[in-house]
Amino acid sequence: MEKDDKPISMKHLPHKTIERLSQYRRALLICLDQGQTHIYSHEIAKIQHITAVQVRRDLMLIGYTGTLRKGYNVSELIDLIGSIIDAGEGIRVAIVGMGNLGRALINYFSGKRSRLSISASFDTNPDKIGRTMSGVPCYSLEDMNEIIARENIKIGIMTVPAAAALTVAEKLVQAGIKGILNYTPKPVYVPKDVYLEEYDMITSLEKVAFYVKMQEVD
């Protein structure tokens, strides 16, 4: 593996670069499963629908360069991205809201990443509390502080109705959560020491619809 002499401090990597590194790793894992040992920047770019220049720029930021003859070593690059993104001891995650989306996320995420594990879920529905889905137990929302502390959970994923978003976000912060992924359409507010990522599926769909409309206009 060839490294740049002066890669950027990992703490200061741009947010978009972190997103793309995760996407690169996902694509590289597929390539590795297919027996591919080396890959060029233009091949990664084609998979991710971006430019080869952007791929090379991102990888140079983490101090990695390929060779003209072979490109990037797939296995080495997977390991390097993992060492940057993943926590050494792993991080535990909780899902709040065991509706269709919450259950789908648990099923989808199960076994995908060894250093990220969904360890608990929470709901207010008595019919769901006490049950287990794909190995993940569901607890009452009232027990959040106790369970999050006991299981050393650091990340909370919110899949609750919009009306409950603010209350649930406050509960997660009070319980000691350090990162929140908000799947509700309701914006929430957290202290500066809590990282917040908000994903609005309606906005994403409207963005796709806009570009479809533009294609039809052309």
C-alpha atoms as a PDB file:
ATOM      1  CA  MET A   1       0.000   0.000   0.000  1.00  0.00           C
ATOM      2  CA  GLU A   2       1.288   3.428  -0.916  1.00  0.00           C
ATOM      3  CA  LYS A   3       0.490   6.273   1.438  1.00  0.00           C
ATOM      4  CA  ASP A   4       0.629  10.007   1.011  1.00  0.00           C
ATOM      5  CA  ASP A   5       3.224  11.632   3.274  1.00  0.00           C
ATOM      6  CA  LYS A   6       0.787  14.185   4.662  1.00  0.00           C
ATOM      7  CA  PRO A   7      -2.818  12.937   4.754  1.00  0.00           C
ATOM      8  CA  ILE A   8      -5.419  15.183   6.335  1.00  0.00           C
ATOM      9  CA  SER A   9      -6.222  14.691  10.010  1.00  0.00           C
ATOM     10  CA  MET A  10      -8.961  12.053  10.143  1.00  0.00           C
ATOM     11  CA  LYS A  11     -10.883  14.212  12.610  1.00  0.00           C
ATOM     12  CA  HIS A  12     -11.209  16.924   9.964  1.00  0.00           C
ATOM     13  CA  LEU A  13     -12.343  14.804   7.032  1.00  0.00           C
ATOM     14  CA  PRO A  14     -15.271  16.475   5.219  1.00  0.00           C
ATOM     15  CA  HIS A  15     -18.669  14.936   5.957  1.00  0.00           C
ATOM     16  CA  LYS A  16     -19.242  14.140   2.288  1.00  0.00           C
ATOM     17  CA  THR A  17     -15.906  12.332   2.120  1.00  0.00           C
ATOM     18  CA  ILE A  18     -16.933  10.129   5.058  1.00  0.00           C
ATOM     19  CA  GLU A  19     -20.176   9.298   3.227  1.00  0.00           C
ATOM     20  CA  ARG A  20     -18.309   8.391   0.064  1.00  0.00           C
ATOM     21  CA  LEU A  21     -15.735   6.294   1.937  1.00  0.00           C
ATOM     22  CA  SER A  22     -18.584   4.201   3.330  1.00  0.00           C
ATOM     23  CA  GLN A  23     -19.993   3.836  -0.182  1.00  0.00           C
ATOM     24  CA  TYR A  24     -16.557   2.923  -1.555  1.00  0.00           C
ATOM     25  CA  ARG A  25     -16.157   0.192   1.052  1.00  0.00           C
ATOM     26  CA  ARG A  26     -19.569  -1.256   0.233  1.00  0.00           C
ATOM     27  CA  ALA A  27     -18.652  -1.406  -3.463  1.00  0.00           C
ATOM     28  CA  LEU A  28     -15.182  -2.804  -2.728  1.00  0.00           C
ATOM     29  CA  LEU A  29     -16.612  -5.588  -0.563  1.00  0.00           C
ATOM     30  CA  ILE A  30     -18.747  -6.681  -3.513  1.00  0.00           C
ATOM     31  CA  CYS A  31     -15.694  -6.589  -5.796  1.00  0.00           C
ATOM     32  CA  LEU A  32     -13.706  -8.631  -3.285  1.00  0.00           C
ATOM     33  CA  ASP A  33     -16.482 -11.240  -3.098  1.00  0.00           C
ATOM     34  CA  GLN A  34     -16.288 -11.502  -6.884  1.00  0.00           C
ATOM     35  CA  GLY A  35     -12.551 -12.239  -6.709  1.00  0.00           C
ATOM     36  CA  GLN A  36     -11.274  -8.831  -7.800  1.00  0.00           C
ATOM     37  CA  THR A  37      -7.944  -7.965  -6.116  1.00  0.00           C
ATOM     38  CA  HIS A  38      -7.221  -4.536  -7.625  1.00  0.00           C
ATOM     39  CA  ILE A  39      -9.359  -1.698  -8.925  1.00  0.00           C
ATOM     40  CA  TYR A  40      -8.795   1.630 -10.675  1.00  0.00           C
ATOM     41  CA  SER A  41     -10.300   4.950  -9.649  1.00  0.00           C
ATOM     42  CA  HIS A  42     -12.423   5.122 -12.812  1.00  0.00           C
ATOM     43  CA  GLU A  43     -13.948   1.733 -11.945  1.00  0.00           C
ATOM     44  CA  ILE A  44     -14.922   2.915  -8.455  1.00  0.00           C
ATOM     45  CA  ALA A  45     -16.230   6.146  -9.977  1.00  0.00           C
ATOM     46  CA  LYS A  46     -18.436   4.250 -12.428  1.00  0.00           C
ATOM     47  CA  ILE A  47     -19.985   2.198  -9.617  1.00  0.00           C
ATOM     48  CA  GLN A  48     -20.660   5.307  -7.498  1.00  0.00           C
ATOM     49  CA  HIS A  49     -21.733   7.540 -10.407  1.00  0.00           C
ATOM     50  CA  ILE A  50     -19.108  10.173  -9.637  1.00  0.00           C
ATOM     51  CA  THR A  51     -15.839  11.254 -11.267  1.00  0.00           C
ATOM     52  CA  ALA A  52     -12.515   9.440 -11.012  1.00  0.00           C
ATOM     53  CA  VAL A  53     -11.001  12.763  -9.895  1.00  0.00           C
ATOM     54  CA  GLN A  54     -13.326  12.787  -6.875  1.00  0.00           C
ATOM     55  CA  VAL A  55     -12.360   9.216  -5.977  1.00  0.00           C
ATOM     56  CA  ARG A  56      -8.641   9.984  -6.151  1.00  0.00           C
ATOM     57  CA  ARG A  57      -9.118  13.177  -4.142  1.00  0.00           C
ATOM     58  CA  ASP A  58     -10.977  11.326  -1.368  1.00  0.00           C
ATOM     59  CA  LEU A  59      -8.394   8.552  -1.160  1.00  0.00           C
ATOM     60  CA  MET A  60      -5.504  11.015  -1.141  1.00  0.00           C
ATOM     61  CA  LEU A  61      -7.170  12.727   1.841  1.00  0.00           C
ATOM     62  CA  ILE A  62      -6.808   9.477   3.806  1.00  0.00           C
ATOM     63  CA  GLY A  63      -3.240   9.007   2.613  1.00  0.00           C
ATOM     64  CA  TYR A  64      -3.781   6.248   0.071  1.00  0.00           C
ATOM     65  CA  THR A  65      -2.634   6.143  -3.546  1.00  0.00           C
ATOM     66  CA  GLY A  66      -2.691   3.330  -6.041  1.00  0.00           C
ATOM     67  CA  THR A  67      -0.245   2.389  -8.775  1.00  0.00           C
ATOM     68  CA  LEU A  68      -0.484   3.079 -12.499  1.00  0.00           C
ATOM     69  CA  ARG A  69      -0.043  -0.606 -13.280  1.00  0.00           C
ATOM     70  CA  LYS A  70      -2.587  -2.139 -10.903  1.00  0.00           C
ATOM     71  CA  GLY A  71      -4.619   0.641  -9.366  1.00  0.00           C
ATOM     72  CA  TYR A  72      -5.768   0.194  -5.753  1.00  0.00           C
ATOM     73  CA  ASN A  73      -5.422  -2.984  -3.709  1.00  0.00           C
ATOM     74  CA  VAL A  74      -9.043  -3.847  -2.896  1.00  0.00           C
ATOM     75  CA  SER A  75      -8.388  -5.699   0.365  1.00  0.00           C
ATOM     76  CA  GLU A  76      -5.961  -3.064   1.686  1.00  0.00           C
ATOM     77  CA  LEU A  77      -8.336  -0.233   0.863  1.00  0.00           C
ATOM     78  CA  ILE A  78     -11.229  -1.984   2.608  1.00  0.00           C
ATOM     79  CA  ASP A  79      -9.078  -2.390   5.724  1.00  0.00           C
ATOM     80  CA  LEU A  80      -7.888   1.224   5.624  1.00  0.00           C
ATOM     81  CA  ILE A  81     -11.409   2.616   5.280  1.00  0.00           C
ATOM     82  CA  GLY A  82     -12.498   0.354   8.117  1.00  0.00           C
ATOM     83  CA  SER A  83      -9.720   1.646  10.362  1.00  0.00           C
ATOM     84  CA  ILE A  84     -10.939   5.203   9.723  1.00  0.00           C
ATOM     85  CA  ILE A  85     -14.697   4.753   9.964  1.00  0.00           C
ATOM     86  CA  ASP A  86     -15.060   1.930  12.478  1.00  0.00           C
ATOM     87  CA  ALA A  87     -14.485   2.191  16.217  1.00  0.00           C
ATOM     88  CA  GLY A  88     -11.904  -0.287  17.487  1.00  0.00           C
ATOM     89  CA  GLU A  89     -14.136  -1.685  20.218  1.00  0.00           C
ATOM     90  CA  GLY A  90     -17.307  -1.344  18.147  1.00  0.00           C
ATOM     91  CA  ILE A  91     -20.332   0.881  18.735  1.00  0.00           C
ATOM     92  CA  ARG A  92     -23.786  -0.205  19.832  1.00  0.00           C
ATOM     93  CA  VAL A  93     -26.959   1.217  18.336  1.00  0.00           C
ATOM     94  CA  ALA A  94     -30.596   1.447  19.445  1.00  0.00           C
ATOM     95  CA  ILE A  95     -33.697   1.945  17.310  1.00  0.00           C
ATOM     96  CA  VAL A  96     -36.610   3.925  18.733  1.00  0.00           C
ATOM     97  CA  GLY A  97     -39.878   3.030  17.041  1.00  0.00           C
ATOM     98  CA  MET A  98     -40.603  -0.561  16.047  1.00  0.00           C
ATOM     99  CA  GLY A  99     -43.007   0.157  13.212  1.00  0.00           C
ATOM    100  CA  ASN A 100     -42.451  -1.068   9.662  1.00  0.00           C
ATOM    101  CA  LEU A 101     -39.365   1.088   9.088  1.00  0.00           C
ATOM    102  CA  GLY A 102     -37.739   0.210  12.408  1.00  0.00           C
ATOM    103  CA  ARG A 103     -38.203  -3.508  11.814  1.00  0.00           C
ATOM    104  CA  ALA A 104     -36.972  -3.203   8.229  1.00  0.00           C
ATOM    105  CA  LEU A 105     -33.802  -1.440   9.384  1.00  0.00           C
ATOM    106  CA  ILE A 106     -33.059  -4.185  11.918  1.00  0.00           C
ATOM    107  CA  ASN A 107     -33.525  -6.894   9.285  1.00  0.00           C
ATOM    108  CA  TYR A 108     -31.463  -5.026   6.698  1.00  0.00           C
ATOM    109  CA  PHE A 109     -28.608  -4.126   9.013  1.00  0.00           C
ATOM    110  CA  SER A 110     -28.281  -7.524  10.679  1.00  0.00           C
ATOM    111  CA  GLY A 111     -24.769  -8.875  10.080  1.00  0.00           C
ATOM    112  CA  LYS A 112     -23.750  -6.084   7.689  1.00  0.00           C
ATOM    113  CA  ARG A 113     -21.035  -4.527   9.887  1.00  0.00           C
ATOM    114  CA  SER A 114     -19.096  -6.230  12.672  1.00  0.00           C
ATOM    115  CA  ARG A 115     -18.199  -2.965  14.430  1.00  0.00           C
ATOM    116  CA  LEU A 116     -21.755  -1.609  14.471  1.00  0.00           C
ATOM    117  CA  SER A 117     -24.478  -3.609  16.164  1.00  0.00           C
ATOM    118  CA  ILE A 118     -28.122  -2.850  16.882  1.00  0.00           C
ATOM    119  CA  SER A 119     -28.360  -3.961  20.498  1.00  0.00           C
ATOM    120  CA  ALA A 120     -31.790  -2.703  21.576  1.00  0.00           C
ATOM    121  CA  SER A 121     -35.040  -1.204  20.362  1.00  0.00           C
ATOM    122  CA  PHE A 122     -37.703   0.852  22.121  1.00  0.00           C
ATOM    123  CA  ASP A 123     -41.410   1.355  21.657  1.00  0.00           C
ATOM    124  CA  THR A 124     -44.542   2.401  23.556  1.00  0.00           C
ATOM    125  CA  ASN A 125     -46.757  -0.402  22.216  1.00  0.00           C
ATOM    126  CA  PRO A 126     -47.263  -3.107  24.903  1.00  0.00           C
ATOM    127  CA  ASP A 127     -47.666  -5.731  22.150  1.00  0.00           C
ATOM    128  CA  LYS A 128     -44.086  -5.052  20.956  1.00  0.00           C
ATOM    129  CA  ILE A 129     -42.338  -4.569  24.304  1.00  0.00           C
ATOM    130  CA  GLY A 130     -40.661  -7.755  25.492  1.00  0.00           C
ATOM    131  CA  ARG A 131     -40.463  -9.261  22.019  1.00  0.00           C
ATOM    132  CA  THR A 132     -37.281  -9.917  20.012  1.00  0.00           C
ATOM    133  CA  MET A 133     -36.730  -9.170  16.328  1.00  0.00           C
ATOM    134  CA  SER A 134     -33.664 -10.656  14.586  1.00  0.00           C
ATOM    135  CA  GLY A 135     -32.010 -11.009  17.980  1.00  0.00           C
ATOM    136  CA  VAL A 136     -32.787  -7.417  19.038  1.00  0.00           C
ATOM    137  CA  PRO A 137     -34.959  -7.088  22.177  1.00  0.00           C
ATOM    138  CA  CYS A 138     -37.630  -4.400  22.380  1.00  0.00           C
ATOM    139  CA  TYR A 139     -37.940  -2.403  25.607  1.00  0.00           C
ATOM    140  CA  SER A 140     -40.346   0.183  26.917  1.00  0.00           C
ATOM    141  CA  LEU A 141     -39.451   3.784  26.165  1.00  0.00           C
ATOM    142  CA  GLU A 142     -39.611   4.365  29.919  1.00  0.00           C
ATOM    143  CA  ASP A 143     -36.614   2.063  30.403  1.00  0.00           C
ATOM    144  CA  MET A 144     -34.406   3.910  27.910  1.00  0.00           C
ATOM    145  CA  ASN A 145     -31.973   5.452  30.407  1.00  0.00           C
ATOM    146  CA  GLU A 146     -31.345   2.141  32.146  1.00  0.00           C
ATOM    147  CA  ILE A 147     -30.926   0.056  28.969  1.00  0.00           C
ATOM    148  CA  ILE A 148     -28.722   2.554  27.131  1.00  0.00           C
ATOM    149  CA  ALA A 149     -26.416   2.839  30.135  1.00  0.00           C
ATOM    150  CA  ARG A 150     -26.338  -0.929  30.734  1.00  0.00           C
ATOM    151  CA  GLU A 151     -25.674  -1.815  27.093  1.00  0.00           C
ATOM    152  CA  ASN A 152     -23.280   1.114  26.527  1.00  0.00           C
ATOM    153  CA  ILE A 153     -25.290   2.271  23.513  1.00  0.00           C
ATOM    154  CA  LYS A 154     -23.928   5.379  21.760  1.00  0.00           C
ATOM    155  CA  ILE A 155     -26.152   5.826  18.687  1.00  0.00           C
ATOM    156  CA  GLY A 156     -29.928   6.183  18.444  1.00  0.00           C
ATOM    157  CA  ILE A 157     -31.971   5.747  15.270  1.00  0.00           C
ATOM    158  CA  MET A 158     -35.359   7.468  15.343  1.00  0.00           C
ATOM    159  CA  THR A 159     -38.192   5.919  13.308  1.00  0.00           C
ATOM    160  CA  VAL A 160     -41.076   7.311  15.354  1.00  0.00           C
ATOM    161  CA  PRO A 161     -44.048   9.416  14.173  1.00  0.00           C
ATOM    162  CA  ALA A 162     -43.160  13.059  13.537  1.00  0.00           C
ATOM    163  CA  ALA A 163     -45.231  14.203  16.514  1.00  0.00           C
ATOM    164  CA  ALA A 164     -42.966  12.230  18.868  1.00  0.00           C
ATOM    165  CA  ALA A 165     -39.642  13.258  17.312  1.00  0.00           C
ATOM    166  CA  LEU A 166     -38.719  16.129  19.639  1.00  0.00           C
ATOM    167  CA  THR A 167     -39.597  14.182  22.786  1.00  0.00           C
ATOM    168  CA  VAL A 168     -37.685  11.099  21.683  1.00  0.00           C
ATOM    169  CA  ALA A 169     -34.626  13.153  20.702  1.00  0.00           C
ATOM    170  CA  GLU A 170     -34.608  14.756  24.157  1.00  0.00           C
ATOM    171  CA  LYS A 171     -34.892  11.342  25.811  1.00  0.00           C
ATOM    172  CA  LEU A 172     -31.987   9.988  23.761  1.00  0.00           C
ATOM    173  CA  VAL A 173     -29.786  12.932  24.693  1.00  0.00           C
ATOM    174  CA  GLN A 174     -30.705  12.622  28.367  1.00  0.00           C
ATOM    175  CA  ALA A 175     -29.872   8.909  28.223  1.00  0.00           C
ATOM    176  CA  GLY A 176     -26.330   9.697  27.057  1.00  0.00           C
ATOM    177  CA  ILE A 177     -26.600   9.040  23.315  1.00  0.00           C
ATOM    178  CA  LYS A 178     -23.786  10.706  21.310  1.00  0.00           C
ATOM    179  CA  GLY A 179     -25.144  10.313  17.783  1.00  0.00           C
ATOM    180  CA  ILE A 180     -28.669  10.407  16.354  1.00  0.00           C
ATOM    181  CA  LEU A 181     -29.949   9.342  12.946  1.00  0.00           C
ATOM    182  CA  ASN A 182     -33.356  10.935  12.480  1.00  0.00           C
ATOM    183  CA  TYR A 183     -35.626   9.224   9.944  1.00  0.00           C
ATOM    184  CA  THR A 184     -38.633  11.352  10.830  1.00  0.00           C
ATOM    185  CA  PRO A 185     -39.695  14.357   8.706  1.00  0.00           C
ATOM    186  CA  LYS A 186     -39.558  16.525  11.829  1.00  0.00           C
ATOM    187  CA  PRO A 187     -36.280  18.441  12.412  1.00  0.00           C
ATOM    188  CA  VAL A 188     -34.877  18.008  15.926  1.00  0.00           C
ATOM    189  CA  TYR A 189     -32.337  19.940  17.954  1.00  0.00           C
ATOM    190  CA  VAL A 190     -29.467  18.472  19.956  1.00  0.00           C
ATOM    191  CA  PRO A 191     -26.495  19.815  21.968  1.00  0.00           C
ATOM    192  CA  LYS A 192     -23.208  20.470  20.155  1.00  0.00           C
ATOM    193  CA  ASP A 193     -21.627  17.337  21.585  1.00  0.00           C
ATOM    194  CA  VAL A 194     -24.263  15.110  19.934  1.00  0.00           C
ATOM    195  CA  TYR A 195     -23.866  14.416  16.215  1.00  0.00           C
ATOM    196  CA  LEU A 196     -27.144  14.609  14.301  1.00  0.00           C
ATOM    197  CA  GLU A 197     -27.887  13.207  10.851  1.00  0.00           C
ATOM    198  CA  GLU A 198     -31.378  13.808   9.464  1.00  0.00           C
ATOM    199  CA  TYR A 199     -32.787  11.867   6.541  1.00  0.00           C
ATOM    200  CA  ASP A 200     -36.095  12.899   5.039  1.00  0.00           C
ATOM    201  CA  MET A 201     -37.322  10.313   2.518  1.00  0.00           C
ATOM    202  CA  ILE A 202     -39.958  12.712   1.161  1.00  0.00           C
ATOM    203  CA  THR A 203     -37.288  15.298   0.325  1.00  0.00           C
ATOM    204  CA  SER A 204     -35.146  12.640  -1.353  1.00  0.00           C
ATOM    205  CA  LEU A 205     -38.100  11.415  -3.419  1.00  0.00           C
ATOM    206  CA  GLU A 206     -39.020  14.972  -4.400  1.00  0.00           C
ATOM    207  CA  LYS A 207     -35.424  15.530  -5.514  1.00  0.00           C
ATOM    208  CA  VAL A 208     -35.614  12.468  -7.764  1.00  0.00           C
ATOM    209  CA  ALA A 209     -39.001  13.629  -9.089  1.00  0.00           C
ATOM    210  CA  PHE A 210     -37.537  17.047  -9.925  1.00  0.00           C
ATOM    211  CA  TYR A 211     -34.786  15.552 -12.083  1.00  0.00           C
ATOM    212  CA  VAL A 212     -37.258  13.224 -13.783  1.00  0.00           C
ATOM    213  CA  LYS A 213     -39.389  16.274 -14.593  1.00  0.00           C
ATOM    214  CA  MET A 214     -36.352  18.106 -15.982  1.00  0.00           C
ATOM    215  CA  GLN A 215     -35.549  15.183 -18.267  1.00  0.00           C
ATOM    216  CA  GLU A 216     -39.081  15.245 -19.629  1.00  0.00           C
ATOM    217  CA  VAL A 217     -38.847  19.004 -20.226  1.00  0.00           C
ATOM    218  CA  ASP A 218     -35.649  18.557 -22.214  1.00  0.00           C
END
